[in-house]
Each structure stands twice: as structure tokens, then as C-alpha cells.
PDB file of N, CA and C in Angstrom:
ATOM      1  N   UNK A   1      71.106  30.668  -6.501  1.00  0.00           N
ATOM      2  CA  UNK A   1      70.778  31.998  -6.811  1.00  0.00           C
ATOM      3  C   UNK A   1      72.501  32.079  -6.334  1.00  0.00           C
ATOM      4  N   UNK A   2      73.589  32.109  -5.194  1.00  0.00           N
ATOM      5  CA  UNK A   2      74.491  32.218  -4.824  1.00  0.00           C
ATOM      6  C   UNK A   2      75.399  31.325  -5.541  1.00  0.00           C
ATOM      7  N   UNK A   3      75.389  30.644  -6.293  1.00  0.00           N
ATOM      8  CA  UNK A   3      76.283  31.167  -7.349  1.00  0.00           C
ATOM      9  C   UNK A   3      76.170  31.813  -8.842  1.00  0.00           C
ATOM     10  N   UNK A   4      75.024  32.251  -8.534  1.00  0.00           N
ATOM     11  CA  UNK A   4      74.997  33.795  -9.867  1.00  0.00           C
ATOM     12  C   UNK A   4      74.710  34.871  -8.948  1.00  0.00           C
ATOM     13  N   UNK A   5      75.113  35.152  -8.033  1.00  0.00           N
ATOM     14  CA  UNK A   5      75.624  36.886  -7.379  1.00  0.00           C
ATOM     15  C   UNK A   5      76.603  36.324  -7.544  1.00  0.00           C
ATOM     16  N   UNK A   6      77.617  34.794  -6.493  1.00  0.00           N
ATOM     17  CA  UNK A   6      79.399  34.715  -7.219  1.00  0.00           C
ATOM     18  C   UNK A   6      79.657  35.465  -8.139  1.00  0.00           C
ATOM     19  N   UNK A   7      78.690  34.671  -9.906  1.00  0.00           N
ATOM     20  CA  UNK A   7      79.292  34.752 -11.310  1.00  0.00           C
ATOM     21  C   UNK A   7      79.157  36.440 -11.573  1.00  0.00           C
ATOM     22  N   UNK A   8      78.077  36.768 -10.800  1.00  0.00           N
ATOM     23  CA  UNK A   8      77.692  38.074 -12.054  1.00  0.00           C
ATOM     24  C   UNK A   8      79.062  38.993 -11.232  1.00  0.00           C
ATOM     25  N   UNK A   9      79.692  38.679  -9.314  1.00  0.00           N
ATOM     26  CA  UNK A   9      80.120  40.273  -8.847  1.00  0.00           C
ATOM     27  C   UNK A   9      81.844  39.808  -8.949  1.00  0.00           C
ATOM     28  N   UNK A  10      82.232  38.552  -9.328  1.00  0.00           N
ATOM     29  CA  UNK A  10      83.369  38.049 -10.348  1.00  0.00           C
ATOM     30  C   UNK A  10      83.781  38.606 -11.850  1.00  0.00           C
ATOM     31  N   UNK A  11      82.382  38.657 -12.564  1.00  0.00           N
ATOM     32  CA  UNK A  11      82.235  39.404 -13.941  1.00  0.00           C
ATOM     33  C   UNK A  11      82.199  40.799 -13.318  1.00  0.00           C
ATOM     34  N   UNK A  12      81.521  41.786 -12.407  1.00  0.00           N
ATOM     35  CA  UNK A  12      82.201  42.724 -11.878  1.00  0.00           C
ATOM     36  C   UNK A  12      83.587  43.293 -11.753  1.00  0.00           C
ATOM     37  N   UNK A  13      84.190  42.174 -10.543  1.00  0.00           N
ATOM     38  CA  UNK A  13      85.731  42.283 -10.136  1.00  0.00           C
ATOM     39  C   UNK A  13      86.586  42.416 -12.286  1.00  0.00           C
ATOM     40  N   UNK A  14      85.901  41.118 -13.360  1.00  0.00           N
ATOM     41  CA  UNK A  14      87.439  40.945 -13.295  1.00  0.00           C
ATOM     42  C   UNK A  14      87.519  42.833 -14.605  1.00  0.00           C
ATOM     43  N   UNK A  15      85.907  43.058 -15.070  1.00  0.00           N
ATOM     44  CA  UNK A  15      85.911  43.965 -15.938  1.00  0.00           C
ATOM     45  C   UNK A  15      86.604  45.479 -14.943  1.00  0.00           C
ATOM     46  N   UNK A  16      86.570  45.764 -13.733  1.00  0.00           N
ATOM     47  CA  UNK A  16      86.789  46.825 -13.154  1.00  0.00           C
ATOM     48  C   UNK A  16      88.740  46.087 -13.017  1.00  0.00           C
ATOM     49  N   UNK A  17      89.167  45.402 -13.347  1.00  0.00           N
ATOM     50  CA  UNK A  17      90.218  45.162 -13.694  1.00  0.00           C
ATOM     51  C   UNK A  17      90.681  45.446 -14.687  1.00  0.00           C
ATOM     52  N   UNK A  18      89.596  44.904 -15.542  1.00  0.00           N
ATOM     53  CA  UNK A  18      90.817  45.117 -17.127  1.00  0.00           C
ATOM     54  C   UNK A  18      90.424  46.560 -17.077  1.00  0.00           C
ATOM     55  N   UNK A  19      89.627  47.686 -16.781  1.00  0.00           N
ATOM     56  CA  UNK A  19      89.561  48.883 -17.364  1.00  0.00           C
ATOM     57  C   UNK A  19      90.749  49.075 -16.177  1.00  0.00           C
ATOM     58  N   UNK A  20      91.081  49.031 -15.229  1.00  0.00           N
ATOM     59  CA  UNK A  20      92.565  49.181 -14.265  1.00  0.00           C
ATOM     60  C   UNK A  20      94.571  49.133 -15.042  1.00  0.00           C
ATOM     61  N   UNK A  21      93.721  48.137 -15.778  1.00  0.00           N
ATOM     62  CA  UNK A  21      95.096  48.022 -17.203  1.00  0.00           C
ATOM     63  C   UNK A  21      95.357  48.436 -17.346  1.00  0.00           C
ATOM     64  N   UNK A  22      93.976  48.421 -18.239  1.00  0.00           N
ATOM     65  CA  UNK A  22      94.208  49.675 -19.155  1.00  0.00           C
ATOM     66  C   UNK A  22      94.826  50.703 -19.176  1.00  0.00           C
ATOM     67  N   UNK A  23      93.996  50.987 -18.439  1.00  0.00           N
ATOM     68  CA  UNK A  23      94.405  52.710 -17.813  1.00  0.00           C
ATOM     69  C   UNK A  23      95.606  52.657 -18.112  1.00  0.00           C
ATOM     70  N   UNK A  24      96.482  52.162 -16.799  1.00  0.00           N
ATOM     71  CA  UNK A  24      97.427  51.571 -17.304  1.00  0.00           C
ATOM     72  C   UNK A  24      98.993  51.306 -17.865  1.00  0.00           C
ATOM     73  N   UNK A  25      98.765  50.476 -18.787  1.00  0.00           N
ATOM     74  CA  UNK A  25      98.996  50.141 -20.006  1.00  0.00           C
ATOM     75  C   UNK A  25      99.515  51.807 -20.965  1.00  0.00           C
ATOM     76  N   UNK A  26      97.576  52.580 -20.930  1.00  0.00           N
ATOM     77  CA  UNK A  26      97.783  53.552 -21.472  1.00  0.00           C
ATOM     78  C   UNK A  26      98.745  54.235 -20.870  1.00  0.00           C
ATOM     79  N   UNK A  27      98.630  54.924 -19.988  1.00  0.00           N
ATOM     80  CA  UNK A  27     100.375  55.657 -19.179  1.00  0.00           C
ATOM     81  C   UNK A  27     101.515  55.614 -19.085  1.00  0.00           C
ATOM     82  N   UNK A  28     101.871  53.981 -18.862  1.00  0.00           N
ATOM     83  CA  UNK A  28     103.098  54.087 -18.174  1.00  0.00           C
ATOM     84  C   UNK A  28     103.617  53.208 -20.197  1.00  0.00           C
ATOM     85  N   UNK A  29     103.005  52.400 -20.769  1.00  0.00           N
ATOM     86  CA  UNK A  29     102.982  51.807 -21.782  1.00  0.00           C
ATOM     87  C   UNK A  29     103.463  52.933 -23.430  1.00  0.00           C
ATOM     88  N   UNK A  30     102.512  53.064 -23.206  1.00  0.00           N
ATOM     89  CA  UNK A  30     102.179  54.298 -24.502  1.00  0.00           C
ATOM     90  C   UNK A  30     102.507  55.375 -24.430  1.00  0.00           C
ATOM     91  N   UNK A  31     103.199  55.869 -23.121  1.00  0.00           N
ATOM     92  CA  UNK A  31     103.196  57.377 -22.759  1.00  0.00           C
ATOM     93  C   UNK A  31     101.794  57.805 -22.505  1.00  0.00           C
ATOM     94  N   UNK A  32     101.030  57.497 -22.388  1.00  0.00           N
ATOM     95  CA  UNK A  32      99.646  58.827 -22.798  1.00  0.00           C
ATOM     96  C   UNK A  32      99.873  60.105 -21.701  1.00  0.00           C
ATOM     97  N   UNK A  33      99.857  61.250 -22.280  1.00  0.00           N
ATOM     98  CA  UNK A  33     100.505  61.817 -20.599  1.00  0.00           C
ATOM     99  C   UNK A  33      98.997  62.596 -19.554  1.00  0.00           C
ATOM    100  N   UNK A  34      97.466  61.782 -20.472  1.00  0.00           N
ATOM    101  CA  UNK A  34      96.385  62.517 -19.812  1.00  0.00           C
ATOM    102  C   UNK A  34      95.136  61.239 -20.242  1.00  0.00           C
ATOM    103  N   UNK A  35      94.521  60.746 -19.168  1.00  0.00           N
ATOM    104  CA  UNK A  35      93.206  59.840 -19.986  1.00  0.00           C
ATOM    105  C   UNK A  35      92.158  60.884 -19.521  1.00  0.00           C
ATOM    106  N   UNK A  36      90.737  60.743 -20.138  1.00  0.00           N
ATOM    107  CA  UNK A  36      89.803  60.587 -19.872  1.00  0.00           C
ATOM    108  C   UNK A  36      89.101  59.594 -20.068  1.00  0.00           C
ATOM    109  N   UNK A  37      88.058  59.065 -19.257  1.00  0.00           N
ATOM    110  CA  UNK A  37      87.353  58.136 -19.910  1.00  0.00           C
ATOM    111  C   UNK A  37      85.616  57.955 -19.006  1.00  0.00           C
ATOM    112  N   UNK A  38      84.894  58.003 -20.182  1.00  0.00           N
ATOM    113  CA  UNK A  38      83.310  58.630 -19.504  1.00  0.00           C
ATOM    114  C   UNK A  38      82.416  57.171 -19.289  1.00  0.00           C
ATOM    115  N   UNK A  39      81.299  57.684 -18.257  1.00  0.00           N
ATOM    116  CA  UNK A  39      80.593  56.748 -17.598  1.00  0.00           C
ATOM    117  C   UNK A  39      79.355  57.543 -17.092  1.00  0.00           C
ATOM    118  N   UNK A  40      78.445  56.734 -16.755  1.00  0.00           N
ATOM    119  CA  UNK A  40      77.076  57.974 -16.441  1.00  0.00           C
ATOM    120  C   UNK A  40      77.467  57.754 -14.734  1.00  0.00           C
ATOM    121  N   UNK A  41      77.445  58.938 -14.058  1.00  0.00           N
ATOM    122  CA  UNK A  41      77.359  59.974 -12.949  1.00  0.00           C
ATOM    123  C   UNK A  41      77.551  59.156 -11.956  1.00  0.00           C
ATOM    124  N   UNK A  42      77.598  58.110 -11.647  1.00  0.00           N
ATOM    125  CA  UNK A  42      77.600  56.726 -10.436  1.00  0.00           C
ATOM    126  C   UNK A  42      78.790  56.412 -10.313  1.00  0.00           C
ATOM    127  N   UNK A  43      79.053  55.723 -11.371  1.00  0.00           N
ATOM    128  CA  UNK A  43      80.573  55.750 -11.174  1.00  0.00           C
ATOM    129  C   UNK A  43      81.983  56.547 -12.035  1.00  0.00           C
ATOM    130  N   UNK A  44      82.010  58.024 -12.020  1.00  0.00           N
ATOM    131  CA  UNK A  44      82.945  58.649 -12.440  1.00  0.00           C
ATOM    132  C   UNK A  44      83.845  58.795 -10.751  1.00  0.00           C
ATOM    133  N   UNK A  45      84.256  59.070 -10.063  1.00  0.00           N
ATOM    134  CA  UNK A  45      84.453  58.240  -9.211  1.00  0.00           C
ATOM    135  C   UNK A  45      84.941  56.986  -9.074  1.00  0.00           C
ATOM    136  N   UNK A  46      85.175  56.031  -9.503  1.00  0.00           N
ATOM    137  CA  UNK A  46      84.953  54.741  -9.391  1.00  0.00           C
ATOM    138  C   UNK A  46      86.874  54.980 -10.798  1.00  0.00           C
ATOM    139  N   UNK A  47      85.919  55.350 -11.586  1.00  0.00           N
ATOM    140  CA  UNK A  47      86.759  55.909 -12.448  1.00  0.00           C
ATOM    141  C   UNK A  47      88.514  56.765 -12.249  1.00  0.00           C
ATOM    142  N   UNK A  48      87.998  57.671 -12.182  1.00  0.00           N
ATOM    143  CA  UNK A  48      89.223  58.327 -11.181  1.00  0.00           C
ATOM    144  C   UNK A  48      90.295  57.132  -9.977  1.00  0.00           C
ATOM    145  N   UNK A  49      89.836  56.714  -9.011  1.00  0.00           N
ATOM    146  CA  UNK A  49      90.280  56.204  -8.830  1.00  0.00           C
ATOM    147  C   UNK A  49      91.049  54.970  -9.133  1.00  0.00           C
ATOM    148  N   UNK A  50      90.357  54.017 -10.562  1.00  0.00           N
ATOM    149  CA  UNK A  50      91.282  53.347 -11.483  1.00  0.00           C
ATOM    150  C   UNK A  50      92.082  53.274 -12.265  1.00  0.00           C
ATOM    151  N   UNK A  51      92.278  55.391 -12.062  1.00  0.00           N
ATOM    152  CA  UNK A  51      93.591  55.777 -13.043  1.00  0.00           C
ATOM    153  C   UNK A  51      93.071  56.714 -14.069  1.00  0.00           C
ATOM    154  N   UNK A  52      91.687  57.461 -14.285  1.00  0.00           N
ATOM    155  CA  UNK A  52      91.452  57.971 -14.710  1.00  0.00           C
ATOM    156  C   UNK A  52      91.966  59.759 -14.420  1.00  0.00           C
ATOM    157  N   UNK A  53      92.484  60.618 -15.027  1.00  0.00           N
ATOM    158  CA  UNK A  53      92.535  61.967 -14.879  1.00  0.00           C
ATOM    159  C   UNK A  53      91.441  62.915 -14.992  1.00  0.00           C
ATOM    160  N   UNK A  54      91.041  62.006 -15.796  1.00  0.00           N
ATOM    161  CA  UNK A  54      89.089  62.506 -16.213  1.00  0.00           C
ATOM    162  C   UNK A  54      87.642  62.091 -16.370  1.00  0.00           C
ATOM    163  N   UNK A  55      87.197  61.824 -15.515  1.00  0.00           N
ATOM    164  CA  UNK A  55      86.229  61.610 -15.650  1.00  0.00           C
ATOM    165  C   UNK A  55      84.898  61.678 -15.962  1.00  0.00           C
ATOM    166  N   UNK A  56      85.042  61.831 -17.343  1.00  0.00           N
ATOM    167  CA  UNK A  56      83.463  62.693 -17.625  1.00  0.00           C
ATOM    168  C   UNK A  56      82.126  62.406 -18.194  1.00  0.00           C
ATOM    169  N   UNK A  57      81.190  62.636 -17.575  1.00  0.00           N
ATOM    170  CA  UNK A  57      80.244  62.121 -17.376  1.00  0.00           C
ATOM    171  C   UNK A  57      79.227  62.394 -18.510  1.00  0.00           C
ATOM    172  N   UNK A  58      79.019  61.111 -19.055  1.00  0.00           N
ATOM    173  CA  UNK A  58      78.328  61.612 -20.645  1.00  0.00           C
ATOM    174  C   UNK A  58      77.215  61.597 -21.045  1.00  0.00           C
ATOM    175  N   UNK A  59      76.441  61.660 -20.056  1.00  0.00           N
ATOM    176  CA  UNK A  59      75.041  61.970 -19.476  1.00  0.00           C
ATOM    177  C   UNK A  59      74.963  63.416 -19.364  1.00  0.00           C
ATOM    178  N   UNK A  60      75.502  64.247 -19.075  1.00  0.00           N
ATOM    179  CA  UNK A  60      75.644  65.568 -19.121  1.00  0.00           C
ATOM    180  C   UNK A  60      77.008  66.783 -20.399  1.00  0.00           C
ATOM    181  N   UNK A  61      77.919  65.788 -20.764  1.00  0.00           N
ATOM    182  CA  UNK A  61      78.621  66.374 -20.911  1.00  0.00           C
ATOM    183  C   UNK A  61      79.235  65.640 -22.540  1.00  0.00           C
ATOM    184  N   UNK A  62      79.929  65.797 -23.433  1.00  0.00           N
ATOM    185  CA  UNK A  62      80.080  64.854 -24.815  1.00  0.00           C
ATOM    186  C   UNK A  62      81.820  65.534 -24.749  1.00  0.00           C
ATOM    187  N   UNK A  63      83.033  64.530 -24.909  1.00  0.00           N
ATOM    188  CA  UNK A  63      83.986  64.515 -24.568  1.00  0.00           C
ATOM    189  C   UNK A  63      84.438  65.313 -25.624  1.00  0.00           C
ATOM    190  N   UNK A  64      83.881  65.028 -27.086  1.00  0.00           N
ATOM    191  CA  UNK A  64      84.320  65.700 -28.116  1.00  0.00           C
ATOM    192  C   UNK A  64      84.157  67.296 -28.428  1.00  0.00           C
ATOM    193  N   UNK A  65      83.360  67.440 -27.879  1.00  0.00           N
ATOM    194  CA  UNK A  65      83.035  69.193 -27.369  1.00  0.00           C
ATOM    195  C   UNK A  65      83.840  69.632 -26.730  1.00  0.00           C
ATOM    196  N   UNK A  66      84.403  69.043 -24.956  1.00  0.00           N
ATOM    197  CA  UNK A  66      86.012  69.697 -24.227  1.00  0.00           C
ATOM    198  C   UNK A  66      87.015  69.771 -24.989  1.00  0.00           C
ATOM    199  N   UNK A  67      87.303  71.364 -25.398  1.00  0.00           N
ATOM    200  CA  UNK A  67      88.276  72.215 -25.597  1.00  0.00           C
ATOM    201  C   UNK A  67      89.724  71.405 -25.557  1.00  0.00           C
ATOM    202  N   UNK A  68      90.400  70.134 -23.923  1.00  0.00           N
ATOM    203  CA  UNK A  68      90.896  69.809 -23.678  1.00  0.00           C
ATOM    204  C   UNK A  68      91.520  68.940 -25.124  1.00  0.00           C
ATOM    205  N   UNK A  69      92.013  67.662 -25.319  1.00  0.00           N
ATOM    206  CA  UNK A  69      92.586  67.246 -25.920  1.00  0.00           C
ATOM    207  C   UNK A  69      93.044  66.080 -24.965  1.00  0.00           C
ATOM    208  N   UNK A  70      93.449  64.450 -25.691  1.00  0.00           N
ATOM    209  CA  UNK A  70      93.477  63.536 -24.908  1.00  0.00           C
ATOM    210  C   UNK A  70      94.475  62.410 -26.010  1.00  0.00           C
ATOM    211  N   UNK A  71      95.023  62.004 -24.840  1.00  0.00           N
ATOM    212  CA  UNK A  71      95.726  60.718 -26.012  1.00  0.00           C
ATOM    213  C   UNK A  71      94.986  59.845 -25.141  1.00  0.00           C
ATOM    214  N   UNK A  72      94.557  59.637 -24.734  1.00  0.00           N
ATOM    215  CA  UNK A  72      93.591  58.071 -24.647  1.00  0.00           C
ATOM    216  C   UNK A  72      91.950  59.314 -24.126  1.00  0.00           C
ATOM    217  N   UNK A  73      90.798  58.403 -24.329  1.00  0.00           N
ATOM    218  CA  UNK A  73      89.621  58.521 -24.320  1.00  0.00           C
ATOM    219  C   UNK A  73      88.663  56.668 -24.407  1.00  0.00           C
ATOM    220  N   UNK A  74      88.577  56.230 -23.245  1.00  0.00           N
ATOM    221  CA  UNK A  74      87.741  55.022 -22.679  1.00  0.00           C
ATOM    222  C   UNK A  74      86.968  54.747 -22.462  1.00  0.00           C
ATOM    223  N   UNK A  75      85.692  54.186 -23.820  1.00  0.00           N
ATOM    224  CA  UNK A  75      84.387  54.445 -22.700  1.00  0.00           C
ATOM    225  C   UNK A  75      84.163  53.734 -22.471  1.00  0.00           C
ATOM    226  N   UNK A  76      83.732  53.747 -20.934  1.00  0.00           N
ATOM    227  CA  UNK A  76      83.130  52.492 -20.421  1.00  0.00           C
ATOM    228  C   UNK A  76      82.178  52.081 -20.360  1.00  0.00           C
ATOM    229  N   UNK A  77      81.196  52.136 -21.040  1.00  0.00           N
ATOM    230  CA  UNK A  77      80.322  51.578 -21.033  1.00  0.00           C
ATOM    231  C   UNK A  77      79.234  50.005 -20.861  1.00  0.00           C
ATOM    232  N   UNK A  78      79.010  50.009 -20.273  1.00  0.00           N
ATOM    233  CA  UNK A  78      78.295  48.262 -19.450  1.00  0.00           C
ATOM    234  C   UNK A  78      77.588  48.345 -19.040  1.00  0.00           C
ATOM    235  N   UNK A  79      76.666  47.218 -19.591  1.00  0.00           N
ATOM    236  CA  UNK A  79      75.793  46.804 -18.381  1.00  0.00           C
ATOM    237  C   UNK A  79      75.941  45.217 -17.941  1.00  0.00           C
ATOM    238  N   UNK A  80      75.610  44.772 -17.112  1.00  0.00           N
ATOM    239  CA  UNK A  80      76.340  43.028 -16.931  1.00  0.00           C
ATOM    240  C   UNK A  80      74.387  42.819 -15.645  1.00  0.00           C
TER     241      UNK A  80
END
């Protein structure tokens, strides 16, 4: 049971590291001026802390319907 918890926590950390690297690459390597990411309500602040300029709650709004357009939209839906 302890090993299973360790593996699950390690996968979560790896997933968040991947998102953070992806957002930073988009901004600093590919020159994205503003980045939006979609997620559920509970992960919006996490996305902002990882580097998203705008975190969109996909349960309440569709990023395609927003008047503002973005260089990158990363859909951070995932289940572990």
C-alpha cells in the first residue's frame, strides 16, 4: 500500500512538472505572449501557479467562445 501511494504521488508530481515545463517552453522558447489552460474548478489556482496566464474552468465555459484569442491553450484534463 505504501509503494502504491508513493507511485501515485510520484506520477502526480511528474504530471505537474510536465505542465510547468510545457507552459514555460511555450512562453520563453516559442514566444507565446499569453497562455490559457483549461481544467476543472479545483485545479485552476494550480494552473496559474504553474505559469498559465488564464485558467479556464471547462465545466463553466468553453475557451473557444471567449472573445480573447491565445497563442497556446493547454487542456490539462487528466485522471490518475
